[in-house]
Amino acid sequence: MGNFVKLEQDGFNPEFGGIIWRRRLNQRLEEREVEIEPVGYREGDKPVMQVTQENTVIYINQIADELDCVAVKYDQDEADYWTWYFRNKFENDEAFGHVVQVVGMWATMMTTLYPMEHVVRQYEAFTDAEIPDSIPEGWE
C-alpha cells in the first residue's frame, strides 16, 4: 500500500505535437492566479514517483459510490501493475475526497454514468478475496 506526498518540484514536462505543454500550463495558471503543487506517490521503500496523468487515474461514476477509486501504476515496476484504492477502503468519504482533490489536478479523471467494466472486475477481485471459500470449523 502506498501513500500520496507533497513534492517540492514538478518534474512532469510533456512535449509532443510541437508544444512544450508545461510552458502553456504555467501561462494559464499565472493568468488565473492559480498555484498547483506537485504530488508524489510512495510505495514502501521505493523512490517517490510524481503523480501524473500517465500513471494515475481517478474513476468516479454516478450510480455506485463504492466503485469510485484511484488507480496508480508505479512507473519503476517492470510489470504493467496498477494499485487500486477504492472509496470504501478509505477512512471516510472526506479522506477519499481530499485525495481526489489533491491528486485530481495531476491525474486522469474519468467521470462516467455507469461504472467501467474493468473497474467492476477489479472491485470484484478485491471483494472475492475477502470472502472465505469455506465455513470455519466450529462455526454454526
N, C-alpha and C. Protein backbone atom coordinates (compact mmCIF):
# COMPACT_ATOMS: atom_id res chain seq x y z
N MET A 1 0.85 -1.18 0.00
CA MET A 1 0.00 0.00 0.00
C MET A 1 0.89 1.24 0.00
N GLY A 2 0.51 2.20 -0.75
CA GLY A 2 1.29 3.42 -0.87
C GLY A 2 0.58 4.60 -0.25
N ASN A 3 1.23 5.75 -0.34
CA ASN A 3 0.57 6.97 0.11
C ASN A 3 1.01 8.14 -0.76
N PHE A 4 0.23 9.20 -0.71
CA PHE A 4 0.49 10.38 -1.51
C PHE A 4 1.20 11.42 -0.65
N VAL A 5 2.22 12.04 -1.24
CA VAL A 5 3.04 13.00 -0.50
C VAL A 5 3.23 14.26 -1.35
N LYS A 6 3.53 15.34 -0.67
CA LYS A 6 3.81 16.61 -1.35
C LYS A 6 5.21 16.55 -1.95
N LEU A 7 5.36 17.07 -3.15
CA LEU A 7 6.67 17.16 -3.80
C LEU A 7 7.11 18.61 -3.84
N GLU A 8 8.40 18.82 -3.80
CA GLU A 8 8.94 20.17 -3.85
C GLU A 8 9.00 20.70 -5.28
N GLN A 9 9.19 19.81 -6.25
CA GLN A 9 9.41 20.26 -7.62
C GLN A 9 8.60 19.43 -8.61
N ASP A 10 8.07 20.10 -9.61
CA ASP A 10 7.32 19.45 -10.68
C ASP A 10 8.30 18.96 -11.74
N GLY A 11 8.39 17.65 -11.90
CA GLY A 11 9.29 17.09 -12.90
C GLY A 11 8.57 16.61 -14.15
N PHE A 12 7.27 16.80 -14.23
CA PHE A 12 6.50 16.32 -15.38
C PHE A 12 6.47 17.41 -16.44
N ASN A 13 6.97 17.10 -17.61
CA ASN A 13 7.06 18.09 -18.67
C ASN A 13 6.79 17.44 -20.02
N PRO A 14 5.52 17.16 -20.32
CA PRO A 14 5.22 16.52 -21.60
C PRO A 14 5.46 17.46 -22.78
N GLU A 15 6.12 16.94 -23.78
CA GLU A 15 6.36 17.71 -25.02
C GLU A 15 6.00 16.82 -26.19
N PHE A 16 4.96 17.20 -26.90
CA PHE A 16 4.57 16.50 -28.12
C PHE A 16 3.70 17.43 -28.94
N GLY A 17 3.52 17.11 -30.19
CA GLY A 17 2.75 17.99 -31.06
C GLY A 17 3.42 19.32 -31.29
N GLY A 18 4.74 19.37 -31.06
CA GLY A 18 5.47 20.62 -31.25
C GLY A 18 5.24 21.65 -30.16
N ILE A 19 4.68 21.21 -29.03
CA ILE A 19 4.34 22.15 -27.96
C ILE A 19 5.02 21.71 -26.66
N ILE A 20 5.56 22.67 -25.93
CA ILE A 20 6.06 22.42 -24.58
C ILE A 20 4.89 22.72 -23.66
N TRP A 21 4.23 21.67 -23.22
CA TRP A 21 2.97 21.83 -22.51
C TRP A 21 3.12 22.47 -21.15
N ARG A 22 4.23 22.29 -20.47
CA ARG A 22 4.41 22.90 -19.15
C ARG A 22 4.39 24.42 -19.28
N ARG A 23 5.02 24.94 -20.30
CA ARG A 23 5.03 26.39 -20.52
C ARG A 23 3.60 26.91 -20.68
N ARG A 24 2.82 26.18 -21.45
CA ARG A 24 1.43 26.60 -21.68
C ARG A 24 0.61 26.49 -20.39
N LEU A 25 0.83 25.43 -19.62
CA LEU A 25 0.14 25.29 -18.34
C LEU A 25 0.51 26.42 -17.40
N ASN A 26 1.79 26.70 -17.28
CA ASN A 26 2.23 27.77 -16.37
C ASN A 26 1.64 29.11 -16.77
N GLN A 27 1.55 29.37 -18.07
CA GLN A 27 0.94 30.62 -18.55
C GLN A 27 -0.52 30.69 -18.12
N ARG A 28 -1.25 29.60 -18.28
CA ARG A 28 -2.67 29.57 -17.91
C ARG A 28 -2.85 29.74 -16.41
N LEU A 29 -2.01 29.07 -15.62
CA LEU A 29 -2.11 29.19 -14.17
C LEU A 29 -1.83 30.61 -13.72
N GLU A 30 -0.84 31.25 -14.33
CA GLU A 30 -0.49 32.62 -13.98
C GLU A 30 -1.63 33.57 -14.32
N GLU A 31 -2.24 33.38 -15.49
CA GLU A 31 -3.36 34.23 -15.89
C GLU A 31 -4.50 34.15 -14.90
N ARG A 32 -4.73 32.98 -14.34
CA ARG A 32 -5.85 32.76 -13.42
C ARG A 32 -5.44 32.85 -11.96
N GLU A 33 -4.19 33.20 -11.72
CA GLU A 33 -3.65 33.32 -10.37
C GLU A 33 -3.91 32.06 -9.54
N VAL A 34 -3.59 30.92 -10.16
CA VAL A 34 -3.77 29.62 -9.52
C VAL A 34 -2.40 28.98 -9.35
N GLU A 35 -2.22 28.34 -8.22
CA GLU A 35 -0.98 27.62 -7.96
C GLU A 35 -1.33 26.17 -7.67
N ILE A 36 -0.67 25.24 -8.35
CA ILE A 36 -0.87 23.84 -8.02
C ILE A 36 0.46 23.24 -7.60
N GLU A 37 0.39 22.42 -6.57
CA GLU A 37 1.61 21.82 -6.05
C GLU A 37 1.72 20.39 -6.57
N PRO A 38 2.92 19.99 -6.96
CA PRO A 38 3.09 18.62 -7.43
C PRO A 38 2.87 17.61 -6.30
N VAL A 39 2.40 16.44 -6.67
CA VAL A 39 2.08 15.38 -5.72
C VAL A 39 2.91 14.15 -6.07
N GLY A 40 3.43 13.49 -5.05
CA GLY A 40 4.18 12.27 -5.25
C GLY A 40 3.43 11.07 -4.70
N TYR A 41 3.87 9.90 -5.11
CA TYR A 41 3.30 8.65 -4.63
C TYR A 41 4.46 7.78 -4.16
N ARG A 42 4.34 7.25 -2.95
CA ARG A 42 5.40 6.41 -2.38
C ARG A 42 4.82 5.03 -2.07
N GLU A 43 5.55 4.01 -2.52
CA GLU A 43 5.20 2.62 -2.20
C GLU A 43 6.37 1.99 -1.46
N GLY A 44 6.17 1.71 -0.20
CA GLY A 44 7.20 1.06 0.60
C GLY A 44 8.51 1.84 0.60
N ASP A 45 9.60 1.13 0.31
CA ASP A 45 10.93 1.75 0.32
C ASP A 45 11.34 2.28 -1.05
N LYS A 46 10.45 2.20 -2.02
CA LYS A 46 10.78 2.66 -3.38
C LYS A 46 10.87 4.18 -3.41
N PRO A 47 11.59 4.73 -4.38
CA PRO A 47 11.66 6.19 -4.51
C PRO A 47 10.27 6.78 -4.80
N VAL A 48 10.09 8.03 -4.43
CA VAL A 48 8.82 8.72 -4.68
C VAL A 48 8.67 8.96 -6.18
N MET A 49 7.49 8.70 -6.69
CA MET A 49 7.15 8.92 -8.09
C MET A 49 6.18 10.10 -8.16
N GLN A 50 6.38 11.00 -9.11
CA GLN A 50 5.42 12.09 -9.28
C GLN A 50 4.13 11.56 -9.88
N VAL A 51 3.02 11.99 -9.34
CA VAL A 51 1.70 11.65 -9.87
C VAL A 51 1.49 12.45 -11.14
N THR A 52 1.14 11.76 -12.23
CA THR A 52 0.85 12.42 -13.50
C THR A 52 -0.37 11.78 -14.14
N GLN A 53 -0.83 12.38 -15.21
CA GLN A 53 -1.96 11.83 -15.94
C GLN A 53 -1.60 10.51 -16.62
N GLU A 54 -0.32 10.18 -16.68
CA GLU A 54 0.11 8.93 -17.31
C GLU A 54 0.16 7.76 -16.34
N ASN A 55 0.24 8.03 -15.04
CA ASN A 55 0.39 6.93 -14.10
C ASN A 55 -0.69 6.87 -13.01
N THR A 56 -1.65 7.79 -13.05
CA THR A 56 -2.70 7.80 -12.03
C THR A 56 -4.04 8.13 -12.68
N VAL A 57 -5.04 7.30 -12.37
CA VAL A 57 -6.39 7.51 -12.91
C VAL A 57 -7.37 7.51 -11.75
N ILE A 58 -8.25 8.50 -11.75
CA ILE A 58 -9.33 8.57 -10.76
C ILE A 58 -10.62 8.27 -11.50
N TYR A 59 -11.34 7.26 -11.02
CA TYR A 59 -12.61 6.86 -11.62
C TYR A 59 -13.75 7.25 -10.69
N ILE A 60 -14.67 8.05 -11.20
CA ILE A 60 -15.87 8.44 -10.47
C ILE A 60 -17.05 8.11 -11.37
N ASN A 61 -18.06 7.43 -10.81
CA ASN A 61 -19.26 7.18 -11.61
C ASN A 61 -20.48 7.68 -10.85
N GLN A 62 -21.57 7.78 -11.54
CA GLN A 62 -22.74 8.46 -10.99
C GLN A 62 -23.66 7.58 -10.14
N ILE A 63 -23.50 6.24 -10.18
CA ILE A 63 -24.51 5.40 -9.51
C ILE A 63 -23.97 4.43 -8.47
N ALA A 64 -22.66 4.22 -8.40
CA ALA A 64 -22.12 3.24 -7.45
C ALA A 64 -20.90 3.83 -6.74
N ASP A 65 -21.16 4.57 -5.68
CA ASP A 65 -20.09 5.26 -4.97
C ASP A 65 -18.98 4.32 -4.51
N GLU A 66 -19.33 3.08 -4.14
CA GLU A 66 -18.31 2.16 -3.64
C GLU A 66 -17.28 1.80 -4.70
N LEU A 67 -17.60 2.05 -5.97
CA LEU A 67 -16.67 1.76 -7.06
C LEU A 67 -15.80 2.96 -7.44
N ASP A 68 -16.02 4.10 -6.81
CA ASP A 68 -15.13 5.24 -7.03
C ASP A 68 -13.74 4.85 -6.52
N CYS A 69 -12.71 5.17 -7.29
CA CYS A 69 -11.38 4.72 -6.88
C CYS A 69 -10.27 5.54 -7.51
N VAL A 70 -9.07 5.32 -6.99
CA VAL A 70 -7.84 5.87 -7.53
C VAL A 70 -6.97 4.67 -7.90
N ALA A 71 -6.48 4.63 -9.14
CA ALA A 71 -5.58 3.56 -9.60
C ALA A 71 -4.23 4.18 -9.94
N VAL A 72 -3.16 3.57 -9.43
CA VAL A 72 -1.81 4.11 -9.61
C VAL A 72 -0.91 3.04 -10.18
N LYS A 73 -0.14 3.39 -11.21
CA LYS A 73 0.86 2.49 -11.76
C LYS A 73 2.23 3.06 -11.40
N TYR A 74 2.90 2.39 -10.48
CA TYR A 74 4.24 2.84 -10.07
C TYR A 74 5.17 2.65 -11.25
N ASP A 75 5.73 3.72 -11.77
CA ASP A 75 6.44 3.69 -13.04
C ASP A 75 7.79 2.98 -13.02
N GLN A 76 8.27 2.57 -11.85
CA GLN A 76 9.52 1.84 -11.81
C GLN A 76 9.30 0.33 -11.70
N ASP A 77 8.05 -0.10 -11.63
CA ASP A 77 7.75 -1.52 -11.66
C ASP A 77 7.91 -2.03 -13.08
N GLU A 78 8.44 -3.23 -13.22
CA GLU A 78 8.63 -3.79 -14.55
C GLU A 78 7.30 -4.16 -15.20
N ALA A 79 6.41 -4.71 -14.44
CA ALA A 79 5.13 -5.16 -14.98
C ALA A 79 4.15 -4.00 -15.08
N ASP A 80 3.14 -4.20 -15.88
CA ASP A 80 2.06 -3.22 -16.03
C ASP A 80 1.06 -3.49 -14.90
N TYR A 81 1.42 -3.12 -13.68
CA TYR A 81 0.64 -3.43 -12.50
C TYR A 81 0.10 -2.14 -11.89
N TRP A 82 -1.19 -2.11 -11.67
CA TRP A 82 -1.83 -0.94 -11.07
C TRP A 82 -2.26 -1.28 -9.65
N THR A 83 -2.09 -0.32 -8.74
CA THR A 83 -2.57 -0.46 -7.37
C THR A 83 -3.87 0.32 -7.27
N TRP A 84 -4.90 -0.34 -6.76
CA TRP A 84 -6.24 0.24 -6.72
C TRP A 84 -6.61 0.61 -5.30
N TYR A 85 -7.17 1.82 -5.14
CA TYR A 85 -7.65 2.30 -3.85
C TYR A 85 -9.12 2.68 -4.01
N PHE A 86 -10.02 1.81 -3.55
CA PHE A 86 -11.45 2.08 -3.67
C PHE A 86 -11.94 2.94 -2.50
N ARG A 87 -12.97 3.71 -2.77
CA ARG A 87 -13.53 4.66 -1.79
C ARG A 87 -13.77 4.00 -0.44
N ASN A 88 -14.34 2.79 -0.44
CA ASN A 88 -14.71 2.16 0.83
C ASN A 88 -13.51 1.69 1.65
N LYS A 89 -12.31 1.75 1.11
CA LYS A 89 -11.11 1.38 1.86
C LYS A 89 -10.48 2.60 2.54
N PHE A 90 -10.99 3.77 2.24
CA PHE A 90 -10.51 4.98 2.90
C PHE A 90 -11.19 5.11 4.26
N GLU A 91 -10.59 5.88 5.13
CA GLU A 91 -11.12 6.08 6.47
C GLU A 91 -12.57 6.57 6.42
N ASN A 92 -12.84 7.49 5.51
CA ASN A 92 -14.19 8.02 5.33
C ASN A 92 -14.26 8.74 3.97
N ASP A 93 -15.45 9.20 3.61
CA ASP A 93 -15.62 9.88 2.32
C ASP A 93 -14.79 11.16 2.24
N GLU A 94 -14.61 11.84 3.37
CA GLU A 94 -13.82 13.08 3.36
C GLU A 94 -12.36 12.78 3.02
N ALA A 95 -11.83 11.68 3.53
CA ALA A 95 -10.44 11.31 3.22
C ALA A 95 -10.30 10.99 1.73
N PHE A 96 -11.26 10.26 1.18
CA PHE A 96 -11.23 9.96 -0.25
C PHE A 96 -11.35 11.26 -1.05
N GLY A 97 -12.27 12.12 -0.66
CA GLY A 97 -12.46 13.40 -1.35
C GLY A 97 -11.22 14.26 -1.32
N HIS A 98 -10.50 14.24 -0.20
CA HIS A 98 -9.26 15.01 -0.09
C HIS A 98 -8.21 14.50 -1.08
N VAL A 99 -8.05 13.17 -1.15
CA VAL A 99 -7.09 12.60 -2.10
C VAL A 99 -7.47 12.97 -3.53
N VAL A 100 -8.74 12.84 -3.86
CA VAL A 100 -9.20 13.18 -5.21
C VAL A 100 -8.93 14.66 -5.51
N GLN A 101 -9.17 15.52 -4.55
CA GLN A 101 -8.94 16.96 -4.76
C GLN A 101 -7.47 17.25 -4.99
N VAL A 102 -6.59 16.68 -4.17
CA VAL A 102 -5.16 16.96 -4.27
C VAL A 102 -4.55 16.30 -5.51
N VAL A 103 -4.88 15.04 -5.73
CA VAL A 103 -4.28 14.27 -6.81
C VAL A 103 -4.95 14.58 -8.15
N GLY A 104 -6.21 14.95 -8.10
CA GLY A 104 -7.02 15.11 -9.31
C GLY A 104 -6.49 16.09 -10.33
N MET A 105 -5.79 17.12 -9.91
CA MET A 105 -5.25 18.07 -10.88
C MET A 105 -4.17 17.44 -11.74
N TRP A 106 -3.49 16.44 -11.22
CA TRP A 106 -2.39 15.82 -11.95
C TRP A 106 -2.80 14.54 -12.66
N ALA A 107 -3.81 13.87 -12.14
CA ALA A 107 -4.20 12.56 -12.67
C ALA A 107 -5.17 12.69 -13.84
N THR A 108 -5.40 11.58 -14.49
CA THR A 108 -6.50 11.49 -15.44
C THR A 108 -7.75 11.21 -14.61
N MET A 109 -8.79 12.01 -14.79
CA MET A 109 -10.02 11.77 -14.04
C MET A 109 -11.13 11.42 -15.01
N MET A 110 -11.80 10.31 -14.74
CA MET A 110 -12.91 9.87 -15.58
C MET A 110 -14.17 9.86 -14.75
N THR A 111 -15.16 10.59 -15.21
CA THR A 111 -16.47 10.59 -14.58
C THR A 111 -17.43 9.98 -15.58
N THR A 112 -18.09 8.90 -15.16
CA THR A 112 -18.97 8.17 -16.07
C THR A 112 -20.35 8.01 -15.47
N LEU A 113 -21.32 7.76 -16.32
CA LEU A 113 -22.67 7.49 -15.85
C LEU A 113 -22.71 6.14 -15.14
N TYR A 114 -22.15 5.12 -15.78
CA TYR A 114 -22.08 3.77 -15.20
C TYR A 114 -20.63 3.45 -14.88
N PRO A 115 -20.40 2.54 -13.94
CA PRO A 115 -19.02 2.13 -13.67
C PRO A 115 -18.42 1.45 -14.91
N MET A 116 -17.14 1.62 -15.12
CA MET A 116 -16.46 0.98 -16.25
C MET A 116 -16.23 -0.48 -15.91
N GLU A 117 -16.30 -1.33 -16.94
CA GLU A 117 -16.23 -2.78 -16.72
C GLU A 117 -14.95 -3.21 -16.01
N HIS A 118 -13.81 -2.65 -16.41
CA HIS A 118 -12.56 -3.08 -15.78
C HIS A 118 -12.48 -2.65 -14.31
N VAL A 119 -13.17 -1.57 -13.94
CA VAL A 119 -13.21 -1.14 -12.55
C VAL A 119 -14.05 -2.13 -11.74
N VAL A 120 -15.18 -2.55 -12.29
CA VAL A 120 -16.04 -3.52 -11.61
C VAL A 120 -15.30 -4.84 -11.42
N ARG A 121 -14.60 -5.30 -12.46
CA ARG A 121 -13.82 -6.55 -12.35
C ARG A 121 -12.79 -6.45 -11.23
N GLN A 122 -12.10 -5.33 -11.15
CA GLN A 122 -11.08 -5.14 -10.12
C GLN A 122 -11.71 -5.12 -8.73
N TYR A 123 -12.84 -4.44 -8.61
CA TYR A 123 -13.55 -4.37 -7.33
C TYR A 123 -14.00 -5.77 -6.90
N GLU A 124 -14.55 -6.53 -7.83
CA GLU A 124 -14.99 -7.89 -7.53
C GLU A 124 -13.81 -8.76 -7.10
N ALA A 125 -12.66 -8.59 -7.73
CA ALA A 125 -11.47 -9.36 -7.35
C ALA A 125 -11.10 -9.06 -5.90
N PHE A 126 -11.20 -7.80 -5.49
CA PHE A 126 -10.88 -7.44 -4.10
C PHE A 126 -11.91 -8.02 -3.13
N THR A 127 -13.18 -7.88 -3.46
CA THR A 127 -14.21 -8.35 -2.52
C THR A 127 -14.25 -9.87 -2.49
N ASP A 128 -14.01 -10.55 -3.60
CA ASP A 128 -13.96 -12.02 -3.61
C ASP A 128 -12.84 -12.53 -2.71
N ALA A 129 -11.73 -11.82 -2.69
CA ALA A 129 -10.60 -12.23 -1.86
C ALA A 129 -10.92 -12.11 -0.37
N GLU A 130 -11.87 -11.25 -0.03
CA GLU A 130 -12.23 -11.06 1.37
C GLU A 130 -13.26 -12.07 1.86
N ILE A 131 -13.88 -12.81 0.92
CA ILE A 131 -14.92 -13.78 1.27
C ILE A 131 -14.26 -15.16 1.36
N PRO A 132 -14.34 -15.83 2.52
CA PRO A 132 -13.69 -17.14 2.64
C PRO A 132 -14.35 -18.18 1.74
N ASP A 133 -13.55 -19.16 1.31
CA ASP A 133 -14.05 -20.22 0.44
C ASP A 133 -14.81 -21.29 1.21
N SER A 134 -14.59 -21.37 2.51
CA SER A 134 -15.26 -22.41 3.29
C SER A 134 -15.69 -21.83 4.63
N ILE A 135 -16.55 -22.60 5.32
CA ILE A 135 -17.02 -22.19 6.64
C ILE A 135 -15.98 -22.63 7.66
N PRO A 136 -15.58 -21.74 8.56
CA PRO A 136 -14.59 -22.11 9.57
C PRO A 136 -15.08 -23.23 10.48
N GLU A 137 -14.17 -24.06 10.96
CA GLU A 137 -14.54 -25.14 11.88
C GLU A 137 -15.16 -24.58 13.14
N GLY A 138 -16.19 -25.24 13.62
CA GLY A 138 -16.85 -24.82 14.85
C GLY A 138 -17.85 -23.70 14.66
N TRP A 139 -18.00 -23.23 13.44
CA TRP A 139 -18.95 -22.13 13.18
C TRP A 139 -20.31 -22.70 12.88
N GLU A 140 -21.31 -22.25 13.58
CA GLU A 140 -22.67 -22.77 13.37
C GLU A 140 -23.64 -21.68 13.15
